[in-house]
């Protein structure tokens, strides 16, 4: 399929807070355009569509066959995401969908197979891979700047808000679970990106504060076949929001700190192991990134999506990546 000069036209499915962010990212992107908006809440859909002068659609079947829409951007709760992804692929649309894409692996599996069969691009919306300090860290690790990676230690947490226990994220029928499937999925995705597929998976889930029936803290231990380990903690009771992703190698370490969506400075700390092993001789180099708005990572995601379609290749991360993450999530829920 040739799209070398045309903009990729996308139908946005989901007019909530995440859909609103995606709409802005799409209309601002030089290689994409917004074809229309869909949402079960027609008022929300109409409000967002009118903001950008595009139509609303009640269903995928309502999109005119002459429409230039070639893709769907899906940003809806997990309870509805899997079926919507499948429906979009079934009518021939390339798909980019917000994490976690489904409540469990079984729901998502048929969409991965359908995309492969129809030769459609299917991308998972794990935008943390596109944060500048994370991308730089991955580049340095790939270059061998800290030797062989031994382990990863990550902490990621937010505080919630008054009445948070009544949010849809606390309703398992809509979300599939608590902080594990909502927030820990990001660090699990990053751990797989840096280390590869885990062979051993363990997790402990606790409900310490919100008492809503889903976990508010998740402790995850992943181990690869070569004994590289990722120790991950995700929390809804981190009263001061935190993001820390530490990568320790045989020759040094890299630490990515801060996250733009928490209005924190994103920075990368790089250090080499001194020849004499004395901690006092460790010299850290800090690279500071601007407090860019979260939409920037969505723009970079969209660039990857458009490029993958034009180059007829698998996007990073793919629907298959999302499926593997959900297998890990399923394992921990079953274990707990």
C-alpha atoms as a PDB file:
ATOM      1  CA  UNK A   1       0.000   0.000   0.000  1.00  0.00           C
ATOM      2  CA  UNK A   2       1.487   3.341  -0.996  1.00  0.00           C
ATOM      3  CA  UNK A   3       1.044   6.335   1.282  1.00  0.00           C
ATOM      4  CA  UNK A   4       4.317   8.111   0.625  1.00  0.00           C
ATOM      5  CA  UNK A   5       2.850  11.587   0.189  1.00  0.00           C
ATOM      6  CA  UNK A   6      -0.647  11.330   1.683  1.00  0.00           C
ATOM      7  CA  UNK A   7      -1.472  11.994   5.291  1.00  0.00           C
ATOM      8  CA  UNK A   8      -2.750   9.037   7.287  1.00  0.00           C
ATOM      9  CA  UNK A   9      -6.405   9.665   8.035  1.00  0.00           C
ATOM     10  CA  UNK A  10      -7.640   8.298  11.376  1.00  0.00           C
ATOM     11  CA  UNK A  11     -11.026   7.766  12.963  1.00  0.00           C
ATOM     12  CA  UNK A  12     -10.769   8.390  16.707  1.00  0.00           C
ATOM     13  CA  UNK A  13     -12.773   5.949  18.826  1.00  0.00           C
ATOM     14  CA  UNK A  14     -13.161   7.332  22.329  1.00  0.00           C
ATOM     15  CA  UNK A  15     -13.890  10.944  23.260  1.00  0.00           C
ATOM     16  CA  UNK A  16     -12.829  10.811  26.906  1.00  0.00           C
ATOM     17  CA  UNK A  17      -9.731  12.393  28.436  1.00  0.00           C
ATOM     18  CA  UNK A  18      -7.317  10.123  26.585  1.00  0.00           C
ATOM     19  CA  UNK A  19      -9.241  10.477  23.338  1.00  0.00           C
ATOM     20  CA  UNK A  20      -9.087  14.253  23.688  1.00  0.00           C
ATOM     21  CA  UNK A  21      -5.309  14.071  24.003  1.00  0.00           C
ATOM     22  CA  UNK A  22      -5.136  11.823  20.958  1.00  0.00           C
ATOM     23  CA  UNK A  23      -7.334  14.154  18.910  1.00  0.00           C
ATOM     24  CA  UNK A  24      -4.941  17.037  19.529  1.00  0.00           C
ATOM     25  CA  UNK A  25      -1.922  14.862  18.699  1.00  0.00           C
ATOM     26  CA  UNK A  26      -3.515  13.729  15.430  1.00  0.00           C
ATOM     27  CA  UNK A  27      -4.532  17.174  14.159  1.00  0.00           C
ATOM     28  CA  UNK A  28      -1.133  18.630  15.026  1.00  0.00           C
ATOM     29  CA  UNK A  29       0.809  15.831  13.352  1.00  0.00           C
ATOM     30  CA  UNK A  30       2.266  16.696   9.917  1.00  0.00           C
ATOM     31  CA  UNK A  31       1.624  13.188   8.573  1.00  0.00           C
ATOM     32  CA  UNK A  32      -1.850  12.533   9.990  1.00  0.00           C
ATOM     33  CA  UNK A  33      -5.379  13.929   9.877  1.00  0.00           C
ATOM     34  CA  UNK A  34      -8.553  13.362  11.882  1.00  0.00           C
ATOM     35  CA  UNK A  35     -11.380  11.813   9.812  1.00  0.00           C
ATOM     36  CA  UNK A  36     -14.039  11.670  12.514  1.00  0.00           C
ATOM     37  CA  UNK A  37     -14.929  10.725  16.081  1.00  0.00           C
ATOM     38  CA  UNK A  38     -16.871   7.816  17.569  1.00  0.00           C
ATOM     39  CA  UNK A  39     -18.074   7.327  21.138  1.00  0.00           C
ATOM     40  CA  UNK A  40     -21.049   5.665  22.800  1.00  0.00           C
ATOM     41  CA  UNK A  41     -21.592   9.023  24.516  1.00  0.00           C
ATOM     42  CA  UNK A  42     -22.883  10.974  21.520  1.00  0.00           C
ATOM     43  CA  UNK A  43     -22.633  14.320  23.333  1.00  0.00           C
ATOM     44  CA  UNK A  44     -18.937  13.811  24.034  1.00  0.00           C
ATOM     45  CA  UNK A  45     -18.328  12.651  20.486  1.00  0.00           C
ATOM     46  CA  UNK A  46     -20.145  15.657  19.029  1.00  0.00           C
ATOM     47  CA  UNK A  47     -18.316  18.116  21.284  1.00  0.00           C
ATOM     48  CA  UNK A  48     -14.886  16.783  20.360  1.00  0.00           C
ATOM     49  CA  UNK A  49     -15.714  16.420  16.658  1.00  0.00           C
ATOM     50  CA  UNK A  50     -17.091  19.944  16.387  1.00  0.00           C
ATOM     51  CA  UNK A  51     -13.914  21.294  17.978  1.00  0.00           C
ATOM     52  CA  UNK A  52     -11.988  20.083  14.937  1.00  0.00           C
ATOM     53  CA  UNK A  53     -14.710  20.345  12.309  1.00  0.00           C
ATOM     54  CA  UNK A  54     -15.005  16.620  11.613  1.00  0.00           C
ATOM     55  CA  UNK A  55     -18.054  14.315  11.551  1.00  0.00           C
ATOM     56  CA  UNK A  56     -19.154  11.801  14.147  1.00  0.00           C
ATOM     57  CA  UNK A  57     -19.925   8.172  13.369  1.00  0.00           C
ATOM     58  CA  UNK A  58     -22.284   5.911  15.298  1.00  0.00           C
ATOM     59  CA  UNK A  59     -20.413   2.803  14.168  1.00  0.00           C
ATOM     60  CA  UNK A  60     -17.592   1.722  11.900  1.00  0.00           C
ATOM     61  CA  UNK A  61     -20.195   0.689   9.330  1.00  0.00           C
ATOM     62  CA  UNK A  62     -21.266   4.340   9.053  1.00  0.00           C
ATOM     63  CA  UNK A  63     -17.927   5.497   7.702  1.00  0.00           C
ATOM     64  CA  UNK A  64     -18.491   6.260   4.001  1.00  0.00           C
ATOM     65  CA  UNK A  65     -16.728   3.829   1.717  1.00  0.00           C
ATOM     66  CA  UNK A  66     -15.251   6.841  -0.087  1.00  0.00           C
ATOM     67  CA  UNK A  67     -13.759   8.087   3.173  1.00  0.00           C
ATOM     68  CA  UNK A  68      -9.989   8.524   3.251  1.00  0.00           C
ATOM     69  CA  UNK A  69      -9.876   6.902   6.701  1.00  0.00           C
ATOM     70  CA  UNK A  70      -7.225   4.249   6.687  1.00  0.00           C
ATOM     71  CA  UNK A  71      -6.761   3.717  10.407  1.00  0.00           C
ATOM     72  CA  UNK A  72      -8.463   3.780  13.779  1.00  0.00           C
ATOM     73  CA  UNK A  73      -7.073   5.243  16.984  1.00  0.00           C
ATOM     74  CA  UNK A  74      -8.811   3.523  19.906  1.00  0.00           C
ATOM     75  CA  UNK A  75      -8.804   5.061  23.383  1.00  0.00           C
ATOM     76  CA  UNK A  76     -11.547   3.417  25.448  1.00  0.00           C
ATOM     77  CA  UNK A  77     -11.672   1.298  28.646  1.00  0.00           C
ATOM     78  CA  UNK A  78     -10.339  -2.284  28.410  1.00  0.00           C
ATOM     79  CA  UNK A  79     -13.826  -3.810  28.732  1.00  0.00           C
ATOM     80  CA  UNK A  80     -14.732  -2.450  25.299  1.00  0.00           C
ATOM     81  CA  UNK A  81     -11.347  -2.193  23.640  1.00  0.00           C
ATOM     82  CA  UNK A  82     -10.782  -5.771  22.427  1.00  0.00           C
ATOM     83  CA  UNK A  83     -14.059  -6.070  20.495  1.00  0.00           C
ATOM     84  CA  UNK A  84     -13.609  -2.599  19.006  1.00  0.00           C
ATOM     85  CA  UNK A  85     -10.068  -3.403  17.866  1.00  0.00           C
ATOM     86  CA  UNK A  86     -11.313  -6.580  16.190  1.00  0.00           C
ATOM     87  CA  UNK A  87     -14.173  -4.728  14.484  1.00  0.00           C
ATOM     88  CA  UNK A  88     -11.824  -2.039  13.144  1.00  0.00           C
ATOM     89  CA  UNK A  89      -9.400  -4.618  11.781  1.00  0.00           C
ATOM     90  CA  UNK A  90     -12.296  -6.585  10.284  1.00  0.00           C
ATOM     91  CA  UNK A  91     -13.335  -3.618   8.113  1.00  0.00           C
ATOM     92  CA  UNK A  92      -9.740  -3.175   6.940  1.00  0.00           C
ATOM     93  CA  UNK A  93      -8.446  -0.369   9.169  1.00  0.00           C
ATOM     94  CA  UNK A  94      -4.940  -0.258  10.579  1.00  0.00           C
ATOM     95  CA  UNK A  95      -5.173   0.130  14.366  1.00  0.00           C
ATOM     96  CA  UNK A  96      -3.328   1.899  17.153  1.00  0.00           C
ATOM     97  CA  UNK A  97      -4.952   1.262  20.532  1.00  0.00           C
ATOM     98  CA  UNK A  98      -4.304   2.523  24.036  1.00  0.00           C
ATOM     99  CA  UNK A  99      -2.878   0.148  26.620  1.00  0.00           C
ATOM    100  CA  UNK A 100      -3.692  -2.441  27.869  1.00  0.00           C
ATOM    101  CA  UNK A 101      -5.912  -3.139  24.773  1.00  0.00           C
ATOM    102  CA  UNK A 102      -8.007  -5.782  26.580  1.00  0.00           C
ATOM    103  CA  UNK A 103      -8.849  -7.157  30.018  1.00  0.00           C
ATOM    104  CA  UNK A 104      -6.867 -10.338  29.375  1.00  0.00           C
ATOM    105  CA  UNK A 105      -4.766 -12.108  26.765  1.00  0.00           C
ATOM    106  CA  UNK A 106      -7.548 -14.331  25.445  1.00  0.00           C
ATOM    107  CA  UNK A 107      -9.647 -11.294  24.490  1.00  0.00           C
ATOM    108  CA  UNK A 108      -6.797  -9.842  22.450  1.00  0.00           C
ATOM    109  CA  UNK A 109      -5.453 -12.972  20.781  1.00  0.00           C
ATOM    110  CA  UNK A 110      -7.966 -13.068  17.912  1.00  0.00           C
ATOM    111  CA  UNK A 111      -7.194  -9.456  16.943  1.00  0.00           C
ATOM    112  CA  UNK A 112      -3.465 -10.182  16.724  1.00  0.00           C
ATOM    113  CA  UNK A 113      -4.203 -13.134  14.440  1.00  0.00           C
ATOM    114  CA  UNK A 114      -6.659 -11.119  12.338  1.00  0.00           C
ATOM    115  CA  UNK A 115      -4.162  -8.292  11.814  1.00  0.00           C
ATOM    116  CA  UNK A 116      -1.550 -10.803  10.695  1.00  0.00           C
ATOM    117  CA  UNK A 117      -3.974 -12.523   8.334  1.00  0.00           C
ATOM    118  CA  UNK A 118      -5.174  -9.272   6.767  1.00  0.00           C
ATOM    119  CA  UNK A 119      -1.650  -7.787   6.718  1.00  0.00           C
ATOM    120  CA  UNK A 120      -2.772  -4.747   8.709  1.00  0.00           C
ATOM    121  CA  UNK A 121      -0.610  -2.669  11.037  1.00  0.00           C
ATOM    122  CA  UNK A 122      -1.584  -3.187  14.661  1.00  0.00           C
ATOM    123  CA  UNK A 123       0.225  -1.032  17.215  1.00  0.00           C
ATOM    124  CA  UNK A 124      -0.050  -0.948  21.011  1.00  0.00           C
ATOM    125  CA  UNK A 125      -0.161   2.461  22.669  1.00  0.00           C
ATOM    126  CA  UNK A 126       2.597   2.110  25.235  1.00  0.00           C
ATOM    127  CA  UNK A 127       3.824   5.686  25.100  1.00  0.00           C
ATOM    128  CA  UNK A 128       6.500   5.353  27.803  1.00  0.00           C
ATOM    129  CA  UNK A 129       8.805   3.891  25.154  1.00  0.00           C
ATOM    130  CA  UNK A 130       8.617   7.301  23.509  1.00  0.00           C
ATOM    131  CA  UNK A 131       9.645   9.410  26.509  1.00  0.00           C
ATOM    132  CA  UNK A 132      12.956  11.059  25.558  1.00  0.00           C
ATOM    133  CA  UNK A 133      14.899   9.886  28.605  1.00  0.00           C
ATOM    134  CA  UNK A 134      13.675   6.283  28.148  1.00  0.00           C
ATOM    135  CA  UNK A 135      14.558   6.290  24.455  1.00  0.00           C
ATOM    136  CA  UNK A 136      18.016   7.669  25.234  1.00  0.00           C
ATOM    137  CA  UNK A 137      18.514   5.020  27.939  1.00  0.00           C
ATOM    138  CA  UNK A 138      17.601   2.261  25.491  1.00  0.00           C
ATOM    139  CA  UNK A 139      19.967   3.676  22.887  1.00  0.00           C
ATOM    140  CA  UNK A 140      22.840   3.699  25.413  1.00  0.00           C
ATOM    141  CA  UNK A 141      22.103   0.158  26.586  1.00  0.00           C
ATOM    142  CA  UNK A 142      22.014  -1.083  22.989  1.00  0.00           C
ATOM    143  CA  UNK A 143      25.413   0.530  22.419  1.00  0.00           C
ATOM    144  CA  UNK A 144      26.831  -1.320  25.434  1.00  0.00           C
ATOM    145  CA  UNK A 145      27.552   1.840  27.419  1.00  0.00           C
ATOM    146  CA  UNK A 146      27.037   0.065  30.764  1.00  0.00           C
ATOM    147  CA  UNK A 147      28.150  -3.408  29.722  1.00  0.00           C
ATOM    148  CA  UNK A 148      25.769  -6.336  30.070  1.00  0.00           C
ATOM    149  CA  UNK A 149      22.529  -5.509  31.881  1.00  0.00           C
ATOM    150  CA  UNK A 150      22.232  -7.412  35.159  1.00  0.00           C
ATOM    151  CA  UNK A 151      18.959  -6.105  36.537  1.00  0.00           C
ATOM    152  CA  UNK A 152      16.310  -3.402  36.342  1.00  0.00           C
ATOM    153  CA  UNK A 153      14.621  -1.764  39.307  1.00  0.00           C
ATOM    154  CA  UNK A 154      11.570   0.395  38.681  1.00  0.00           C
ATOM    155  CA  UNK A 155       9.122   2.357  40.816  1.00  0.00           C
ATOM    156  CA  UNK A 156       6.072   4.003  39.342  1.00  0.00           C
ATOM    157  CA  UNK A 157       3.279   5.506  41.360  1.00  0.00           C
ATOM    158  CA  UNK A 158       0.559   8.103  41.665  1.00  0.00           C
ATOM    159  CA  UNK A 159      -1.676   9.218  44.489  1.00  0.00           C
ATOM    160  CA  UNK A 160      -5.191   8.990  43.107  1.00  0.00           C
ATOM    161  CA  UNK A 161      -7.621  11.684  44.208  1.00  0.00           C
ATOM    162  CA  UNK A 162     -10.595  12.124  46.549  1.00  0.00           C
ATOM    163  CA  UNK A 163     -13.227   9.570  45.579  1.00  0.00           C
ATOM    164  CA  UNK A 164     -10.755   7.663  43.397  1.00  0.00           C
ATOM    165  CA  UNK A 165     -12.225   4.377  44.582  1.00  0.00           C
ATOM    166  CA  UNK A 166     -15.344   5.228  42.539  1.00  0.00           C
ATOM    167  CA  UNK A 167     -13.372   5.769  39.299  1.00  0.00           C
ATOM    168  CA  UNK A 168     -13.972   3.271  36.469  1.00  0.00           C
ATOM    169  CA  UNK A 169     -10.427   1.980  36.980  1.00  0.00           C
ATOM    170  CA  UNK A 170     -11.592   0.457  40.265  1.00  0.00           C
ATOM    171  CA  UNK A 171     -14.403  -1.473  38.576  1.00  0.00           C
ATOM    172  CA  UNK A 172     -12.869  -4.792  37.533  1.00  0.00           C
ATOM    173  CA  UNK A 173     -15.648  -5.418  35.011  1.00  0.00           C
ATOM    174  CA  UNK A 174     -14.452  -2.342  33.082  1.00  0.00           C
ATOM    175  CA  UNK A 175     -10.724  -2.273  33.813  1.00  0.00           C
ATOM    176  CA  UNK A 176      -9.781  -5.930  34.165  1.00  0.00           C
ATOM    177  CA  UNK A 177      -8.047  -5.201  37.459  1.00  0.00           C
ATOM    178  CA  UNK A 178      -6.278  -2.518  39.450  1.00  0.00           C
ATOM    179  CA  UNK A 179      -2.877  -0.862  39.365  1.00  0.00           C
ATOM    180  CA  UNK A 180      -1.233  -3.939  37.823  1.00  0.00           C
ATOM    181  CA  UNK A 181      -3.146  -3.680  34.544  1.00  0.00           C
ATOM    182  CA  UNK A 182      -3.475   0.111  34.689  1.00  0.00           C
ATOM    183  CA  UNK A 183       0.038   1.288  35.561  1.00  0.00           C
ATOM    184  CA  UNK A 184       2.431  -1.639  36.014  1.00  0.00           C
ATOM    185  CA  UNK A 185       1.873  -2.563  32.354  1.00  0.00           C
ATOM    186  CA  UNK A 186       4.128   0.350  31.390  1.00  0.00           C
ATOM    187  CA  UNK A 187       7.128  -0.856  33.386  1.00  0.00           C
ATOM    188  CA  UNK A 188       6.468  -4.457  32.309  1.00  0.00           C
ATOM    189  CA  UNK A 189       6.561  -3.274  28.693  1.00  0.00           C
ATOM    190  CA  UNK A 190       9.825  -1.426  29.334  1.00  0.00           C
ATOM    191  CA  UNK A 191      11.354  -4.433  31.111  1.00  0.00           C
ATOM    192  CA  UNK A 192      10.571  -6.631  28.075  1.00  0.00           C
ATOM    193  CA  UNK A 193      11.984  -3.951  25.749  1.00  0.00           C
ATOM    194  CA  UNK A 194      15.275  -3.771  27.631  1.00  0.00           C
ATOM    195  CA  UNK A 195      15.684  -7.407  28.710  1.00  0.00           C
ATOM    196  CA  UNK A 196      13.565  -9.569  26.427  1.00  0.00           C
ATOM    197  CA  UNK A 197      10.913 -12.135  27.333  1.00  0.00           C
ATOM    198  CA  UNK A 198      10.790 -13.279  30.966  1.00  0.00           C
ATOM    199  CA  UNK A 199      10.847 -16.993  31.734  1.00  0.00           C
ATOM    200  CA  UNK A 200       9.933 -16.678  35.414  1.00  0.00           C
ATOM    201  CA  UNK A 201       7.114 -14.430  36.618  1.00  0.00           C
ATOM    202  CA  UNK A 202       6.098 -13.696  40.187  1.00  0.00           C
ATOM    203  CA  UNK A 203       3.882 -11.030  41.652  1.00  0.00           C
ATOM    204  CA  UNK A 204       2.331  -9.856  44.892  1.00  0.00           C
ATOM    205  CA  UNK A 205      -0.792  -7.692  44.850  1.00  0.00           C
ATOM    206  CA  UNK A 206      -2.090  -5.767  47.851  1.00  0.00           C
ATOM    207  CA  UNK A 207      -5.093  -3.599  48.645  1.00  0.00           C
ATOM    208  CA  UNK A 208      -3.768  -1.296  51.323  1.00  0.00           C
ATOM    209  CA  UNK A 209      -5.829   1.859  51.080  1.00  0.00           C
ATOM    210  CA  UNK A 210      -8.603   2.233  48.514  1.00  0.00           C
ATOM    211  CA  UNK A 211     -10.517  -0.948  49.506  1.00  0.00           C
ATOM    212  CA  UNK A 212     -12.313  -0.995  46.151  1.00  0.00           C
ATOM    213  CA  UNK A 213     -11.905  -4.668  45.349  1.00  0.00           C
ATOM    214  CA  UNK A 214      -8.898  -4.237  43.036  1.00  0.00           C
ATOM    215  CA  UNK A 215      -5.224  -3.990  43.970  1.00  0.00           C
ATOM    216  CA  UNK A 216      -3.706  -0.597  44.704  1.00  0.00           C
ATOM    217  CA  UNK A 217      -0.099  -1.868  44.845  1.00  0.00           C
ATOM    218  CA  UNK A 218       1.635  -4.399  42.602  1.00  0.00           C
ATOM    219  CA  UNK A 219       5.085  -5.904  43.155  1.00  0.00           C
ATOM    220  CA  UNK A 220       6.366  -7.770  40.098  1.00  0.00           C
ATOM    221  CA  UNK A 221       9.471  -9.930  39.680  1.00  0.00           C
ATOM    222  CA  UNK A 222      10.510 -10.952  36.161  1.00  0.00           C
ATOM    223  CA  UNK A 223      13.503 -13.131  35.315  1.00  0.00           C
ATOM    224  CA  UNK A 224      14.882 -13.964  31.875  1.00  0.00           C
ATOM    225  CA  UNK A 225      16.496 -17.236  30.806  1.00  0.00           C
ATOM    226  CA  UNK A 226      19.903 -15.609  31.317  1.00  0.00           C
ATOM    227  CA  UNK A 227      18.978 -14.606  34.895  1.00  0.00           C
ATOM    228  CA  UNK A 228      18.495 -10.909  34.204  1.00  0.00           C
ATOM    229  CA  UNK A 229      15.941  -9.600  36.674  1.00  0.00           C
ATOM    230  CA  UNK A 230      13.381  -6.803  36.682  1.00  0.00           C
ATOM    231  CA  UNK A 231      11.979  -5.768  40.054  1.00  0.00           C
ATOM    232  CA  UNK A 232       8.954  -3.533  39.514  1.00  0.00           C
ATOM    233  CA  UNK A 233       6.635  -1.720  41.912  1.00  0.00           C
ATOM    234  CA  UNK A 234       3.514   0.140  40.789  1.00  0.00           C
ATOM    235  CA  UNK A 235       1.352   2.014  43.282  1.00  0.00           C
ATOM    236  CA  UNK A 236      -1.814   4.056  43.626  1.00  0.00           C
ATOM    237  CA  UNK A 237      -0.645   5.094  47.106  1.00  0.00           C
ATOM    238  CA  UNK A 238       2.533   6.920  46.094  1.00  0.00           C
ATOM    239  CA  UNK A 239       1.381  10.186  47.625  1.00  0.00           C
ATOM    240  CA  UNK A 240       4.041  12.154  45.773  1.00  0.00           C
ATOM    241  CA  UNK A 241       3.990  10.873  42.158  1.00  0.00           C
ATOM    242  CA  UNK A 242       7.142   9.008  41.210  1.00  0.00           C
ATOM    243  CA  UNK A 243       8.758   7.471  38.174  1.00  0.00           C
ATOM    244  CA  UNK A 244      12.182   5.877  38.493  1.00  0.00           C
ATOM    245  CA  UNK A 245      13.582   3.320  36.045  1.00  0.00           C
ATOM    246  CA  UNK A 246      17.059   2.061  36.974  1.00  0.00           C
ATOM    247  CA  UNK A 247      19.216  -0.134  34.725  1.00  0.00           C
ATOM    248  CA  UNK A 248      22.327  -1.687  36.285  1.00  0.00           C
ATOM    249  CA  UNK A 249      25.029  -3.171  34.080  1.00  0.00           C
ATOM    250  CA  UNK A 250      28.398  -4.810  34.616  1.00  0.00           C
ATOM    251  CA  UNK A 251      30.157  -1.547  33.769  1.00  0.00           C
ATOM    252  CA  UNK A 252      27.822   1.110  35.117  1.00  0.00           C
ATOM    253  CA  UNK A 253      24.216   2.231  35.506  1.00  0.00           C
ATOM    254  CA  UNK A 254      21.548   4.411  33.938  1.00  0.00           C
ATOM    255  CA  UNK A 255      18.620   5.941  35.829  1.00  0.00           C
ATOM    256  CA  UNK A 256      15.634   7.557  34.106  1.00  0.00           C
ATOM    257  CA  UNK A 257      13.701   9.793  36.497  1.00  0.00           C
ATOM    258  CA  UNK A 258      10.612  11.962  36.318  1.00  0.00           C
ATOM    259  CA  UNK A 259       7.632  11.905  34.027  1.00  0.00           C
ATOM    260  CA  UNK A 260       6.166  14.798  32.092  1.00  0.00           C
ATOM    261  CA  UNK A 261       2.527  13.940  32.771  1.00  0.00           C
ATOM    262  CA  UNK A 262       3.271  14.541  36.476  1.00  0.00           C
ATOM    263  CA  UNK A 263       4.811  17.888  35.501  1.00  0.00           C
ATOM    264  CA  UNK A 264       8.214  16.591  36.541  1.00  0.00           C
ATOM    265  CA  UNK A 265      11.539  17.193  34.862  1.00  0.00           C
ATOM    266  CA  UNK A 266      12.622  14.165  32.865  1.00  0.00           C
ATOM    267  CA  UNK A 267      16.292  13.406  33.373  1.00  0.00           C
ATOM    268  CA  UNK A 268      18.805  10.668  32.754  1.00  0.00           C
ATOM    269  CA  UNK A 269      21.660   9.853  35.142  1.00  0.00           C
ATOM    270  CA  UNK A 270      24.565   7.897  33.659  1.00  0.00           C
ATOM    271  CA  UNK A 271      27.564   6.550  35.568  1.00  0.00           C
ATOM    272  CA  UNK A 272      30.433   4.160  34.938  1.00  0.00           C
ATOM    273  CA  UNK A 273      31.757   1.661  37.469  1.00  0.00           C
ATOM    274  CA  UNK A 274      35.153   2.943  38.688  1.00  0.00           C
ATOM    275  CA  UNK A 275      38.122   0.617  38.181  1.00  0.00           C
ATOM    276  CA  UNK A 276      38.812   0.591  41.938  1.00  0.00           C
ATOM    277  CA  UNK A 277      35.136  -0.072  42.760  1.00  0.00           C
ATOM    278  CA  UNK A 278      35.088   2.828  45.253  1.00  0.00           C
ATOM    279  CA  UNK A 279      31.685   4.444  45.384  1.00  0.00           C
ATOM    280  CA  UNK A 280      33.246   7.795  46.175  1.00  0.00           C
ATOM    281  CA  UNK A 281      34.909   7.702  42.757  1.00  0.00           C
ATOM    282  CA  UNK A 282      31.660   7.254  40.822  1.00  0.00           C
ATOM    283  CA  UNK A 283      31.061  10.227  38.548  1.00  0.00           C
ATOM    284  CA  UNK A 284      27.492  10.764  37.400  1.00  0.00           C
ATOM    285  CA  UNK A 285      26.511  12.600  34.252  1.00  0.00           C
ATOM    286  CA  UNK A 286      22.999  14.046  34.148  1.00  0.00           C
ATOM    287  CA  UNK A 287      21.098  14.793  30.958  1.00  0.00           C
ATOM    288  CA  UNK A 288      18.045  16.961  31.552  1.00  0.00           C
ATOM    289  CA  UNK A 289      15.056  16.962  29.227  1.00  0.00           C
ATOM    290  CA  UNK A 290      12.426  19.693  29.118  1.00  0.00           C
ATOM    291  CA  UNK A 291       9.114  19.310  30.910  1.00  0.00           C
ATOM    292  CA  UNK A 292       7.426  18.452  27.640  1.00  0.00           C
ATOM    293  CA  UNK A 293       3.696  17.900  27.599  1.00  0.00           C
ATOM    294  CA  UNK A 294       2.461  14.280  27.522  1.00  0.00           C
ATOM    295  CA  UNK A 295       1.067  14.810  24.033  1.00  0.00           C
ATOM    296  CA  UNK A 296       4.617  14.808  22.656  1.00  0.00           C
ATOM    297  CA  UNK A 297       4.989  11.110  23.364  1.00  0.00           C
ATOM    298  CA  UNK A 298       1.691  10.522  21.548  1.00  0.00           C
ATOM    299  CA  UNK A 299       3.053  12.429  18.555  1.00  0.00           C
ATOM    300  CA  UNK A 300       6.105  10.166  18.526  1.00  0.00           C
ATOM    301  CA  UNK A 301       3.860   7.107  18.806  1.00  0.00           C
ATOM    302  CA  UNK A 302       1.894   8.376  15.839  1.00  0.00           C
ATOM    303  CA  UNK A 303       5.087   8.896  13.840  1.00  0.00           C
ATOM    304  CA  UNK A 304       6.036   5.262  14.492  1.00  0.00           C
ATOM    305  CA  UNK A 305       2.545   4.100  13.499  1.00  0.00           C
ATOM    306  CA  UNK A 306       2.554   6.062  10.239  1.00  0.00           C
ATOM    307  CA  UNK A 307       6.084   4.905   9.413  1.00  0.00           C
ATOM    308  CA  UNK A 308       5.236   1.250  10.069  1.00  0.00           C
ATOM    309  CA  UNK A 309       2.254   1.461   7.706  1.00  0.00           C
ATOM    310  CA  UNK A 310       4.242   3.162   4.944  1.00  0.00           C
ATOM    311  CA  UNK A 311       7.159   0.754   5.312  1.00  0.00           C
ATOM    312  CA  UNK A 312       4.928  -2.337   5.626  1.00  0.00           C
ATOM    313  CA  UNK A 313       6.655  -3.437   8.823  1.00  0.00           C
ATOM    314  CA  UNK A 314       5.752  -4.394  12.368  1.00  0.00           C
ATOM    315  CA  UNK A 315       5.384  -1.322  14.636  1.00  0.00           C
ATOM    316  CA  UNK A 316       7.096  -0.953  17.990  1.00  0.00           C
ATOM    317  CA  UNK A 317       5.412  -1.909  20.217  1.00  0.00           C
ATOM    318  CA  UNK A 318       3.013  -4.170  18.353  1.00  0.00           C
ATOM    319  CA  UNK A 319      -0.268  -5.882  19.134  1.00  0.00           C
ATOM    320  CA  UNK A 320       1.818  -9.006  19.728  1.00  0.00           C
ATOM    321  CA  UNK A 321       3.810  -7.110  22.383  1.00  0.00           C
ATOM    322  CA  UNK A 322       0.544  -6.154  24.083  1.00  0.00           C
ATOM    323  CA  UNK A 323      -0.535  -9.792  23.998  1.00  0.00           C
ATOM    324  CA  UNK A 324       2.701 -10.913  25.684  1.00  0.00           C
ATOM    325  CA  UNK A 325       2.269  -8.254  28.387  1.00  0.00           C
ATOM    326  CA  UNK A 326      -1.282  -9.431  29.049  1.00  0.00           C
ATOM    327  CA  UNK A 327      -0.015 -13.006  29.382  1.00  0.00           C
ATOM    328  CA  UNK A 328       2.279 -11.782  32.164  1.00  0.00           C
ATOM    329  CA  UNK A 329      -0.608  -9.876  33.758  1.00  0.00           C
ATOM    330  CA  UNK A 330      -2.865 -12.943  33.546  1.00  0.00           C
ATOM    331  CA  UNK A 331      -0.175 -15.091  35.177  1.00  0.00           C
ATOM    332  CA  UNK A 332       0.157 -12.715  38.128  1.00  0.00           C
ATOM    333  CA  UNK A 333      -3.600 -12.396  38.630  1.00  0.00           C
ATOM    334  CA  UNK A 334      -3.980 -16.176  38.523  1.00  0.00           C
ATOM    335  CA  UNK A 335      -1.051 -16.573  40.922  1.00  0.00           C
ATOM    336  CA  UNK A 336      -2.554 -14.055  43.341  1.00  0.00           C
END
